[in-house]
Amino acid sequence: MSVLELCDREIAAVPLEASVADAINKMLDHHVGAVAIVDSEYRVAGIFTERDVLRKMALSRTDPRTTSVRELMTTPVEMATRRTGPAEALTTMLERHFRHLPVADDNGTLLGILSIRNLLEWRVDDLSRELESLEQYVSNDGPGG
């Protein structure tokens, strides 16, 4: 399974020219904690997260309507690809303390954004299926059931 299958269907992204206010509004509109920052060819240039708002914007005296998201975005961005499995992505996110991981093709074009929530839902479903299988195995009376 590819992590792309776990990503939210709508991709939250804003162009490099967007303001911080545009990025925050996109996060609010999509109910997400991060937006990808993309260039004119939809390649990932950076990521802007709630942490960026808190660490770089909250106590500054800059106006989010006039401040370019390019100034505050996190870059470089670690990304997953179609070939990245959920377990690998989860390990990366836990080790690096990421809550969001853009998924891109080999050219860096944004395909989706994976959140830790997506991965935790996948893992809970996976464990539930495993538990159900084990319960069925244990409850069998013997050969032929």
Protein backbone atom coordinates (compact mmCIF):
# COMPACT_ATOMS: atom_id res chain seq x y z
CA MET A 1 0.00 0.00 0.00
CA SER A 2 1.21 3.48 -0.89
CA VAL A 3 0.90 6.37 1.53
CA LEU A 4 -0.83 8.26 -1.26
CA GLU A 5 -3.90 6.10 -0.64
CA LEU A 6 -4.00 7.36 2.97
CA CYS A 7 -3.78 11.08 2.19
CA ASP A 8 -6.79 13.35 2.43
CA ARG A 9 -8.49 13.72 -0.96
CA GLU A 10 -8.27 17.52 -1.03
CA ILE A 11 -4.73 18.86 -1.05
CA ALA A 12 -4.11 22.01 0.98
CA ALA A 13 -1.54 24.05 -0.92
CA VAL A 14 -0.79 27.69 -1.63
CA PRO A 15 1.57 29.30 -4.14
CA LEU A 16 4.95 30.75 -3.18
CA GLU A 17 3.50 34.22 -3.68
CA ALA A 18 0.80 33.71 -1.02
CA SER A 19 0.71 35.64 2.21
CA VAL A 20 0.88 34.05 5.64
CA ALA A 21 -2.80 34.98 6.06
CA ASP A 22 -3.62 33.08 2.83
CA ALA A 23 -1.82 30.00 4.16
CA ILE A 24 -3.56 30.20 7.55
CA ASN A 25 -6.95 30.62 5.87
CA LYS A 26 -6.27 27.58 3.68
CA MET A 27 -5.45 25.54 6.79
CA LEU A 28 -8.66 26.72 8.45
CA ASP A 29 -10.78 26.05 5.33
CA HIS A 30 -9.40 22.51 4.97
CA HIS A 31 -9.31 21.77 8.74
CA VAL A 32 -5.63 20.82 8.55
CA GLY A 33 -2.47 21.77 10.40
CA ALA A 34 -0.23 22.34 7.38
CA VAL A 35 -0.20 23.53 3.80
CA ALA A 36 2.30 22.76 1.10
CA ILE A 37 3.91 25.74 -0.58
CA VAL A 38 4.17 25.11 -4.31
CA ASP A 39 5.81 26.83 -7.25
CA SER A 40 4.10 27.58 -10.58
CA GLU A 41 4.58 23.96 -11.71
CA TYR A 42 3.06 22.60 -8.46
CA ARG A 43 6.44 21.41 -7.17
CA VAL A 44 6.90 21.50 -3.41
CA ALA A 45 8.98 24.50 -2.37
CA GLY A 46 8.23 24.37 1.36
CA ILE A 47 5.67 23.58 4.01
CA PHE A 48 3.90 25.93 6.40
CA THR A 49 2.51 24.44 9.60
CA GLU A 50 0.78 25.41 12.82
CA ARG A 51 4.20 25.21 14.45
CA ASP A 52 5.48 27.82 12.00
CA VAL A 53 2.58 30.08 12.99
CA LEU A 54 3.43 29.67 16.67
CA ARG A 55 7.20 29.83 16.45
CA LYS A 56 7.71 32.35 13.65
CA MET A 57 4.58 34.45 13.52
CA ALA A 58 2.74 34.62 16.84
CA LEU A 59 5.08 36.89 18.77
CA SER A 60 6.52 38.79 15.84
CA ARG A 61 5.19 42.18 14.94
CA THR A 62 4.72 41.29 11.29
CA ASP A 63 1.35 41.50 9.60
CA PRO A 64 0.24 38.09 8.28
CA ARG A 65 -1.64 39.82 5.43
CA THR A 66 1.52 41.47 4.11
CA THR A 67 4.13 38.86 5.10
CA SER A 68 4.98 36.37 2.38
CA VAL A 69 4.64 32.71 3.35
CA ARG A 70 7.98 32.24 1.58
CA GLU A 71 9.63 34.11 4.48
CA LEU A 72 8.28 31.78 7.17
CA MET A 73 7.84 28.40 5.46
CA THR A 74 9.96 25.44 6.48
CA THR A 75 12.45 24.36 3.87
CA PRO A 76 13.94 22.03 2.75
CA VAL A 77 11.02 19.64 3.01
CA GLU A 78 11.39 15.93 3.56
CA MET A 79 8.89 14.13 1.34
CA ALA A 80 7.41 10.71 0.77
CA THR A 81 6.80 9.20 -2.67
CA ARG A 82 4.32 6.73 -4.14
CA ARG A 83 6.79 3.99 -3.22
CA THR A 84 6.84 4.95 0.47
CA GLY A 85 4.96 2.47 2.63
CA PRO A 86 2.85 3.51 5.61
CA ALA A 87 5.18 1.88 8.15
CA GLU A 88 8.20 3.67 6.69
CA ALA A 89 6.36 7.01 6.69
CA LEU A 90 5.22 6.49 10.29
CA THR A 91 8.78 5.71 11.38
CA THR A 92 10.09 8.83 9.64
CA MET A 93 7.42 11.03 11.13
CA LEU A 94 7.92 9.71 14.65
CA GLU A 95 11.72 9.92 14.51
CA ARG A 96 11.75 13.42 12.99
CA HIS A 97 8.77 14.75 15.00
CA PHE A 98 6.80 15.58 11.85
CA ARG A 99 3.03 15.71 11.87
CA HIS A 100 2.76 16.25 8.11
CA LEU A 101 4.67 14.77 5.19
CA PRO A 102 4.11 15.88 1.60
CA VAL A 103 3.91 13.10 -0.98
CA ALA A 104 5.51 14.00 -4.30
CA ASP A 105 6.44 12.36 -7.57
CA ASP A 106 10.05 12.01 -8.75
CA ASN A 107 9.98 15.60 -10.07
CA GLY A 108 8.85 17.01 -6.73
CA THR A 109 5.29 17.63 -7.91
CA LEU A 110 2.86 17.54 -5.00
CA LEU A 111 0.52 14.53 -5.01
CA GLY A 112 -0.86 14.74 -1.46
CA ILE A 113 -0.12 15.52 2.16
CA LEU A 114 0.08 12.73 4.68
CA SER A 115 -0.76 13.52 8.29
CA ILE A 116 0.08 11.56 11.40
CA ARG A 117 -3.70 11.23 11.86
CA ASN A 118 -3.94 9.40 8.51
CA LEU A 119 -1.25 6.97 9.62
CA LEU A 120 -2.71 6.39 13.08
CA GLU A 121 -6.12 5.61 11.55
CA TRP A 122 -4.42 3.14 9.17
CA ARG A 123 -2.54 1.50 12.06
CA VAL A 124 -5.66 1.17 14.23
CA ASP A 125 -7.53 -0.43 11.32
CA ASP A 126 -4.59 -2.77 10.70
CA LEU A 127 -4.42 -3.81 14.36
CA SER A 128 -8.21 -4.32 14.48
CA ARG A 129 -8.03 -6.68 11.49
CA GLU A 130 -5.15 -8.56 13.10
CA LEU A 131 -7.04 -8.88 16.39
CA GLU A 132 -10.15 -10.13 14.60
CA SER A 133 -8.07 -12.73 12.77
CA LEU A 134 -6.44 -13.90 15.99
CA GLU A 135 -9.80 -14.10 17.78
CA GLN A 136 -11.18 -16.20 14.94
CA TYR A 137 -8.14 -18.49 15.04
CA VAL A 138 -8.39 -18.99 18.82
CA SER A 139 -12.13 -19.63 18.75
CA ASN A 140 -11.90 -22.48 16.20
CA ASP A 141 -12.71 -25.86 17.80
CA GLY A 142 -10.21 -27.78 15.79
CA PRO A 143 -9.57 -28.82 12.20
CA GLY A 144 -12.49 -27.82 10.06
CA GLY A 145 -13.77 -25.49 12.73
